[in-house]
């Protein structure tokens, strides 16, 4: 059954935001350490950072148990998600809000203003992730649809690209416009995993069919197989998933991630049955045991390489895991990076 929802929109700006309309918000730039050890001049935030901000909550890793996550620009145009995935970190992120993780779209005037300021700044080419704290397709019942509204903003320049990250299959609106400067990424899981823990989200095959349609329309389409869960007979389930992906299209990039549980997520999750798979600590929460994760990644990577597919990476995985897989984390190519 198709889920239809109309998230509330912030109707008007507060006083501080209203004053900002008379003056383009400042683009704040700073020196940011990179995974290669170099220091790069990057956009840190636009204005107050409530719409555009550098995701820098993962420091450059130093220990084997530190996770690797390159800094990227977040486009925080909305909050929340209508689906009820058991391990969703938004349960902890929005725990203090009365509405919790229910979808909420911020003021469009402010979104447009902050994007305009960034576009005028026109620094290095970057990807803006519009799906870090919301599903990117929560506003398809708006007029115009939120995805179309965002995409058209990015079509007016050629320095930045928009990354839409979703578990939805509601792509009809995106099929009505050109694919310029927009990348769409689908989060997919093995069928029994999705059926048990990704409540309310479309079946993985429906997501893959939506991804195929966008790919055929000309969109660069990426896939996240994340979080992988070591359920019984996981090799058969995840092998089947990889086969279904490539039967439909070849993704631009595939990012792999294993189950992880931040303490706030676990405390505020309604269904904690998935926590039984978590055994090992990292600086980004609990994970399944190292050996289990290594075997799962190795299995998927071997399948991908057998098909000649090389553009893959890991999401929020430890330095030790990258080394265990004989991969160089300093050359990471993951979902949130443009290249």
Protein backbone atom coordinates (compact mmCIF):
# COMPACT_ATOMS: atom_id res chain seq x y z
CA UNK A 1 0.00 0.00 0.00
CA UNK A 2 1.38 3.41 -0.97
CA UNK A 3 2.03 5.67 2.00
CA UNK A 4 0.80 9.22 1.44
CA UNK A 5 1.78 11.91 3.88
CA UNK A 6 2.02 15.65 3.90
CA UNK A 7 4.70 16.80 6.34
CA UNK A 8 4.18 20.15 8.04
CA UNK A 9 6.16 23.09 6.70
CA UNK A 10 7.69 25.85 8.78
CA UNK A 11 5.31 28.62 7.74
CA UNK A 12 7.33 31.69 8.60
CA UNK A 13 10.81 32.72 9.58
CA UNK A 14 11.68 33.77 13.09
CA UNK A 15 12.89 37.34 13.74
CA UNK A 16 16.56 36.54 13.26
CA UNK A 17 15.85 34.75 9.98
CA UNK A 18 13.67 37.61 8.78
CA UNK A 19 16.53 40.04 9.31
CA UNK A 20 18.79 37.75 7.30
CA UNK A 21 16.53 38.11 4.26
CA UNK A 22 17.79 41.66 3.87
CA UNK A 23 21.34 40.41 3.59
CA UNK A 24 22.72 37.25 2.03
CA UNK A 25 23.92 34.90 4.81
CA UNK A 26 27.66 34.59 5.18
CA UNK A 27 29.41 31.51 3.86
CA UNK A 28 31.85 30.50 6.60
CA UNK A 29 35.03 28.83 5.37
CA UNK A 30 37.69 27.14 7.48
CA UNK A 31 40.66 24.81 7.41
CA UNK A 32 39.52 21.20 7.72
CA UNK A 33 41.82 18.17 8.17
CA UNK A 34 41.26 15.45 5.57
CA UNK A 35 41.74 11.68 5.68
CA UNK A 36 44.97 12.07 3.70
CA UNK A 37 46.51 14.22 6.43
CA UNK A 38 46.25 17.40 4.41
CA UNK A 39 44.38 20.49 5.57
CA UNK A 40 41.77 21.73 3.10
CA UNK A 41 39.87 24.98 2.92
CA UNK A 42 36.21 23.98 3.11
CA UNK A 43 32.79 25.51 3.58
CA UNK A 44 31.93 25.02 7.26
CA UNK A 45 28.42 26.44 7.22
CA UNK A 46 26.13 28.94 5.58
CA UNK A 47 24.67 31.52 7.96
CA UNK A 48 23.59 29.91 11.21
CA UNK A 49 24.25 26.40 9.87
CA UNK A 50 20.64 25.29 10.26
CA UNK A 51 20.32 24.56 6.52
CA UNK A 52 23.85 23.95 5.23
CA UNK A 53 26.65 22.69 7.45
CA UNK A 54 29.72 20.50 7.11
CA UNK A 55 29.21 17.07 8.68
CA UNK A 56 32.34 16.89 10.81
CA UNK A 57 31.23 14.81 13.80
CA UNK A 58 33.67 12.06 12.86
CA UNK A 59 37.24 13.22 13.53
CA UNK A 60 40.16 12.05 11.42
CA UNK A 61 40.73 8.48 12.70
CA UNK A 62 43.74 7.70 14.84
CA UNK A 63 43.02 4.28 16.37
CA UNK A 64 42.09 0.93 14.84
CA UNK A 65 38.60 1.24 16.34
CA UNK A 66 37.99 4.76 15.00
CA UNK A 67 35.47 4.93 12.16
CA UNK A 68 36.30 6.41 8.78
CA UNK A 69 33.83 9.01 7.54
CA UNK A 70 34.94 11.86 5.27
CA UNK A 71 33.43 15.25 5.98
CA UNK A 72 30.64 16.29 3.62
CA UNK A 73 28.08 19.07 3.28
CA UNK A 74 24.63 18.44 4.73
CA UNK A 75 21.58 20.09 3.23
CA UNK A 76 19.29 20.08 6.26
CA UNK A 77 16.13 21.16 4.44
CA UNK A 78 13.89 18.84 6.45
CA UNK A 79 13.80 16.54 9.47
CA UNK A 80 12.38 13.11 9.98
CA UNK A 81 11.15 10.05 8.14
CA UNK A 82 7.75 8.31 7.79
CA UNK A 83 9.21 4.80 7.86
CA UNK A 84 9.75 2.84 11.07
CA UNK A 85 13.12 1.14 10.72
CA UNK A 86 13.97 -0.41 14.08
CA UNK A 87 17.55 0.91 14.16
CA UNK A 88 16.89 4.42 12.82
CA UNK A 89 19.27 6.87 14.51
CA UNK A 90 16.71 9.66 14.09
CA UNK A 91 14.91 8.13 17.08
CA UNK A 92 17.77 9.41 19.20
CA UNK A 93 18.58 12.52 17.18
CA UNK A 94 15.09 14.00 17.59
CA UNK A 95 14.32 12.57 21.03
CA UNK A 96 13.80 16.04 22.56
CA UNK A 97 11.25 17.18 19.95
CA UNK A 98 7.56 16.71 20.67
CA UNK A 99 6.99 15.53 17.11
CA UNK A 100 9.94 13.13 17.35
CA UNK A 101 11.02 11.91 13.91
CA UNK A 102 7.79 12.77 12.11
CA UNK A 103 8.59 14.52 8.79
CA UNK A 104 8.92 18.29 8.94
CA UNK A 105 10.00 20.62 6.12
CA UNK A 106 11.79 23.85 7.00
CA UNK A 107 10.97 27.28 5.56
CA UNK A 108 11.50 27.25 1.79
CA UNK A 109 12.54 30.92 1.69
CA UNK A 110 15.40 30.21 4.04
CA UNK A 111 16.41 27.06 2.16
CA UNK A 112 16.52 28.99 -1.13
CA UNK A 113 18.40 31.89 0.46
CA UNK A 114 21.11 29.70 1.96
CA UNK A 115 21.55 27.71 -1.23
CA UNK A 116 21.80 30.94 -3.22
CA UNK A 117 24.54 32.15 -0.89
CA UNK A 118 26.45 28.89 -1.33
CA UNK A 119 26.04 28.95 -5.10
CA UNK A 120 27.36 32.52 -5.24
CA UNK A 121 30.34 31.45 -3.15
CA UNK A 122 31.12 28.87 -5.84
CA UNK A 123 34.16 27.20 -4.25
CA UNK A 124 35.16 23.57 -4.78
CA UNK A 125 32.77 21.16 -6.47
CA UNK A 126 30.81 19.32 -3.78
CA UNK A 127 27.84 17.08 -3.16
CA UNK A 128 25.15 18.22 -0.72
CA UNK A 129 23.55 15.35 1.15
CA UNK A 130 19.81 16.03 1.54
CA UNK A 131 19.17 12.75 3.34
CA UNK A 132 21.26 12.71 6.50
CA UNK A 133 18.49 13.73 8.91
CA UNK A 134 15.47 13.00 6.73
CA UNK A 135 14.40 10.73 3.93
CA UNK A 136 14.86 12.87 0.82
CA UNK A 137 11.43 12.00 -0.62
CA UNK A 138 9.22 13.02 2.31
CA UNK A 139 7.69 15.95 0.42
CA UNK A 140 6.30 14.34 -2.73
CA UNK A 141 2.73 15.44 -1.89
CA UNK A 142 3.72 19.10 -1.74
CA UNK A 143 2.98 21.46 -4.64
CA UNK A 144 5.48 21.58 -6.21
CA UNK A 145 6.94 18.32 -4.91
CA UNK A 146 9.88 18.94 -2.59
CA UNK A 147 12.28 16.78 -4.62
CA UNK A 148 11.49 18.76 -7.78
CA UNK A 149 11.80 22.06 -5.96
CA UNK A 150 15.23 21.13 -4.61
CA UNK A 151 16.42 19.69 -7.91
CA UNK A 152 15.49 22.80 -9.86
CA UNK A 153 17.52 24.97 -7.49
CA UNK A 154 20.62 22.95 -8.31
CA UNK A 155 20.01 23.16 -12.07
CA UNK A 156 20.77 26.88 -11.97
CA UNK A 157 24.52 26.39 -11.33
CA UNK A 158 27.25 23.86 -12.14
CA UNK A 159 29.47 23.69 -9.04
CA UNK A 160 27.34 21.72 -6.59
CA UNK A 161 25.23 18.58 -6.90
CA UNK A 162 22.27 17.38 -4.87
CA UNK A 163 22.26 13.93 -3.27
CA UNK A 164 18.82 12.50 -2.54
CA UNK A 165 18.95 9.52 -0.15
CA UNK A 166 15.82 7.43 0.26
CA UNK A 167 14.07 4.18 1.04
CA UNK A 168 11.00 5.37 -0.85
CA UNK A 169 9.82 4.28 -4.29
CA UNK A 170 7.92 7.50 -5.06
CA UNK A 171 10.00 8.68 -8.00
CA UNK A 172 7.30 9.75 -10.47
CA UNK A 173 7.95 13.44 -9.83
CA UNK A 174 11.67 13.09 -10.48
CA UNK A 175 10.88 11.36 -13.77
CA UNK A 176 9.12 14.50 -14.98
CA UNK A 177 12.25 16.68 -14.85
CA UNK A 178 15.78 16.58 -16.20
CA UNK A 179 18.40 14.78 -14.12
CA UNK A 180 20.95 17.60 -14.19
CA UNK A 181 23.09 17.96 -11.03
CA UNK A 182 21.09 15.38 -9.06
CA UNK A 183 22.27 11.99 -7.76
CA UNK A 184 19.77 9.59 -6.18
CA UNK A 185 20.84 6.97 -3.65
CA UNK A 186 18.64 4.09 -2.51
CA UNK A 187 19.16 2.32 0.80
CA UNK A 188 18.43 -1.37 0.26
CA UNK A 189 18.62 -4.45 2.46
CA UNK A 190 18.27 -8.21 2.17
CA UNK A 191 14.61 -9.19 1.89
CA UNK A 192 14.12 -10.91 5.29
CA UNK A 193 16.05 -8.13 7.03
CA UNK A 194 13.90 -5.42 5.46
CA UNK A 195 10.69 -7.33 6.15
CA UNK A 196 11.54 -7.73 9.83
CA UNK A 197 13.12 -4.40 10.73
CA UNK A 198 12.32 -1.81 8.03
CA UNK A 199 8.63 -1.46 8.80
CA UNK A 200 6.62 0.84 6.55
CA UNK A 201 9.30 1.07 3.87
CA UNK A 202 8.62 -0.32 0.38
CA UNK A 203 9.88 -3.84 -0.30
CA UNK A 204 13.50 -3.81 -1.55
CA UNK A 205 12.37 -4.96 -5.01
CA UNK A 206 10.06 -1.95 -5.29
CA UNK A 207 12.94 0.33 -4.34
CA UNK A 208 15.15 -1.34 -6.93
CA UNK A 209 12.50 -0.96 -9.62
CA UNK A 210 12.23 2.74 -8.75
CA UNK A 211 16.02 3.01 -8.94
CA UNK A 212 16.01 1.33 -12.36
CA UNK A 213 13.43 3.80 -13.68
CA UNK A 214 15.54 6.75 -12.55
CA UNK A 215 18.66 5.18 -14.04
CA UNK A 216 16.91 4.74 -17.38
CA UNK A 217 15.80 8.39 -17.21
CA UNK A 218 19.43 9.49 -16.92
CA UNK A 219 19.97 9.97 -13.20
CA UNK A 220 23.21 8.74 -11.64
CA UNK A 221 21.88 6.17 -9.15
CA UNK A 222 23.78 4.85 -6.16
CA UNK A 223 22.97 2.01 -3.79
CA UNK A 224 23.60 1.63 -0.08
CA UNK A 225 23.52 -1.93 1.22
CA UNK A 226 23.31 -0.79 4.78
CA UNK A 227 22.99 -1.91 7.51
CA UNK A 228 23.98 -5.48 6.73
CA UNK A 229 22.80 -7.83 9.47
CA UNK A 230 24.33 -11.31 10.01
CA UNK A 231 21.00 -13.14 10.12
CA UNK A 232 20.81 -16.87 9.55
CA UNK A 233 21.81 -17.76 5.96
CA UNK A 234 22.90 -14.18 5.34
CA UNK A 235 25.14 -15.17 2.42
CA UNK A 236 22.18 -16.43 0.43
CA UNK A 237 20.07 -13.38 1.24
CA UNK A 238 22.70 -10.76 0.44
CA UNK A 239 23.90 -12.68 -2.60
CA UNK A 240 20.32 -12.65 -3.88
CA UNK A 241 20.13 -8.90 -3.27
CA UNK A 242 23.30 -8.20 -5.26
CA UNK A 243 21.95 -10.30 -8.11
CA UNK A 244 18.64 -8.40 -8.15
CA UNK A 245 20.48 -5.07 -8.26
CA UNK A 246 22.57 -5.95 -11.29
CA UNK A 247 19.68 -7.60 -13.09
CA UNK A 248 18.06 -4.18 -13.20
CA UNK A 249 20.93 -1.72 -13.66
CA UNK A 250 24.54 -1.02 -12.72
CA UNK A 251 24.77 1.54 -9.92
CA UNK A 252 27.17 4.43 -10.16
CA UNK A 253 28.49 3.44 -6.72
CA UNK A 254 27.70 0.93 -3.99
CA UNK A 255 28.35 1.70 -0.34
CA UNK A 256 28.40 -1.11 2.21
CA UNK A 257 27.70 -0.71 5.91
CA UNK A 258 27.16 -3.04 8.82
CA UNK A 259 24.68 -2.76 11.66
CA UNK A 260 25.63 -0.12 14.21
CA UNK A 261 23.92 1.18 17.30
CA UNK A 262 24.59 4.52 18.93
CA UNK A 263 23.70 4.57 22.62
CA UNK A 264 20.94 7.16 22.10
CA UNK A 265 19.45 5.07 19.29
CA UNK A 266 19.34 1.93 21.42
CA UNK A 267 17.82 3.78 24.39
CA UNK A 268 15.01 5.27 22.31
CA UNK A 269 14.32 2.38 19.93
CA UNK A 270 10.91 0.73 20.29
CA UNK A 271 12.14 -2.56 18.84
CA UNK A 272 15.57 -3.57 20.14
CA UNK A 273 15.61 -7.13 18.83
CA UNK A 274 18.43 -6.17 16.44
CA UNK A 275 20.73 -5.23 19.34
CA UNK A 276 21.56 -8.92 19.89
CA UNK A 277 23.88 -8.72 16.86
CA UNK A 278 26.02 -5.95 18.40
CA UNK A 279 29.17 -7.02 20.25
CA UNK A 280 32.02 -4.60 19.55
CA UNK A 281 32.61 -0.96 20.48
CA UNK A 282 33.79 1.79 18.14
CA UNK A 283 33.75 5.57 18.34
CA UNK A 284 30.46 5.40 16.40
CA UNK A 285 28.53 3.00 18.59
CA UNK A 286 28.30 -0.77 18.83
CA UNK A 287 28.86 -3.12 15.89
CA UNK A 288 28.81 -6.87 15.19
CA UNK A 289 32.08 -8.65 15.89
CA UNK A 290 35.02 -7.76 13.68
CA UNK A 291 35.31 -11.23 12.16
CA UNK A 292 31.61 -11.32 11.26
CA UNK A 293 31.73 -7.92 9.57
CA UNK A 294 34.92 -8.82 7.75
CA UNK A 295 33.34 -11.98 6.35
CA UNK A 296 30.22 -10.11 5.22
CA UNK A 297 32.15 -7.34 3.49
CA UNK A 298 34.54 -9.79 1.87
CA UNK A 299 31.62 -11.84 0.54
CA UNK A 300 29.90 -8.84 -1.08
CA UNK A 301 33.12 -7.31 -2.40
CA UNK A 302 34.11 -10.61 -4.01
CA UNK A 303 30.71 -10.75 -5.74
CA UNK A 304 31.11 -7.20 -7.01
CA UNK A 305 34.62 -7.75 -8.28
CA UNK A 306 33.60 -10.97 -10.03
CA UNK A 307 31.21 -8.77 -12.04
CA UNK A 308 33.96 -6.25 -12.74
CA UNK A 309 32.44 -3.65 -10.43
CA UNK A 310 35.07 -1.54 -8.63
CA UNK A 311 33.29 1.59 -7.39
CA UNK A 312 32.44 0.56 -3.84
CA UNK A 313 33.23 1.79 -0.36
CA UNK A 314 32.39 1.33 3.31
CA UNK A 315 30.20 3.53 5.50
CA UNK A 316 31.34 4.48 9.02
CA UNK A 317 33.63 1.48 9.27
CA UNK A 318 36.75 1.27 11.39
CA UNK A 319 40.35 1.74 10.31
CA UNK A 320 40.96 -1.86 11.34
CA UNK A 321 38.26 -3.10 8.98
CA UNK A 322 39.63 -1.15 6.03
CA UNK A 323 43.03 -2.67 6.70
CA UNK A 324 41.52 -6.12 7.19
CA UNK A 325 40.02 -5.84 3.71
CA UNK A 326 43.34 -4.51 2.35
CA UNK A 327 41.66 -1.26 1.30
CA UNK A 328 43.08 2.24 1.68
CA UNK A 329 40.58 4.35 3.61
CA UNK A 330 42.36 7.51 2.49
CA UNK A 331 41.05 6.79 -1.02
CA UNK A 332 37.48 6.25 0.16
CA UNK A 333 34.69 6.53 -2.43
CA UNK A 334 31.43 6.42 -0.56
CA UNK A 335 27.84 7.56 -0.88
CA UNK A 336 28.30 11.12 0.40
CA UNK A 337 31.27 12.04 -1.79
CA UNK A 338 30.96 13.54 -5.26
CA UNK A 339 33.90 11.58 -6.65
